[in-house]
């Protein structure tokens, strides 16, 4: 891992995990991977749950508006394709508003919202603990926190 992707020095940071519980077995696996990475990095976290993926950006916005004491956030959830256009709407709107809220709020956000065709794909991506998509999102969040700290030092 190159220095440009390092998240050294983020120990002691706090991260908010916003987790959609529509597919709890998948969310639990994603959470376990994210929690493992955060614990290994010495980062504290708080887990809050929402019903589905469309509520993730709203919960993140509430935390930002409340000036909650977090250095970043991780979004966890799963959208599985069905027979209607609802899948496309949920995927598009969740990701659009998640990035919009993160950018406008100035919070580093790791994204572990899976968008898959079936439950087997979701399970394959969620499995793996720290090497699965939950762990990847945690590492992305930590790298962004480290970058945020670096930019603050350069200011």
Foldseek 3Di string as FASTA:
>chain_A
DDPLLDLPPCAPFEEEEEEACCPVVLQVLLQQQLVVLCVVRNYHYDYDYDHALLCRLVVLLVCLVVVPRGQAYEYAEEQEDDDDCVLVVSVVNSVVSNVVSCVVSVHQYFYHYYRYHDVVVSCVQSPDRLPHSSVVSNSSRSSVSSVVVVVVVVD
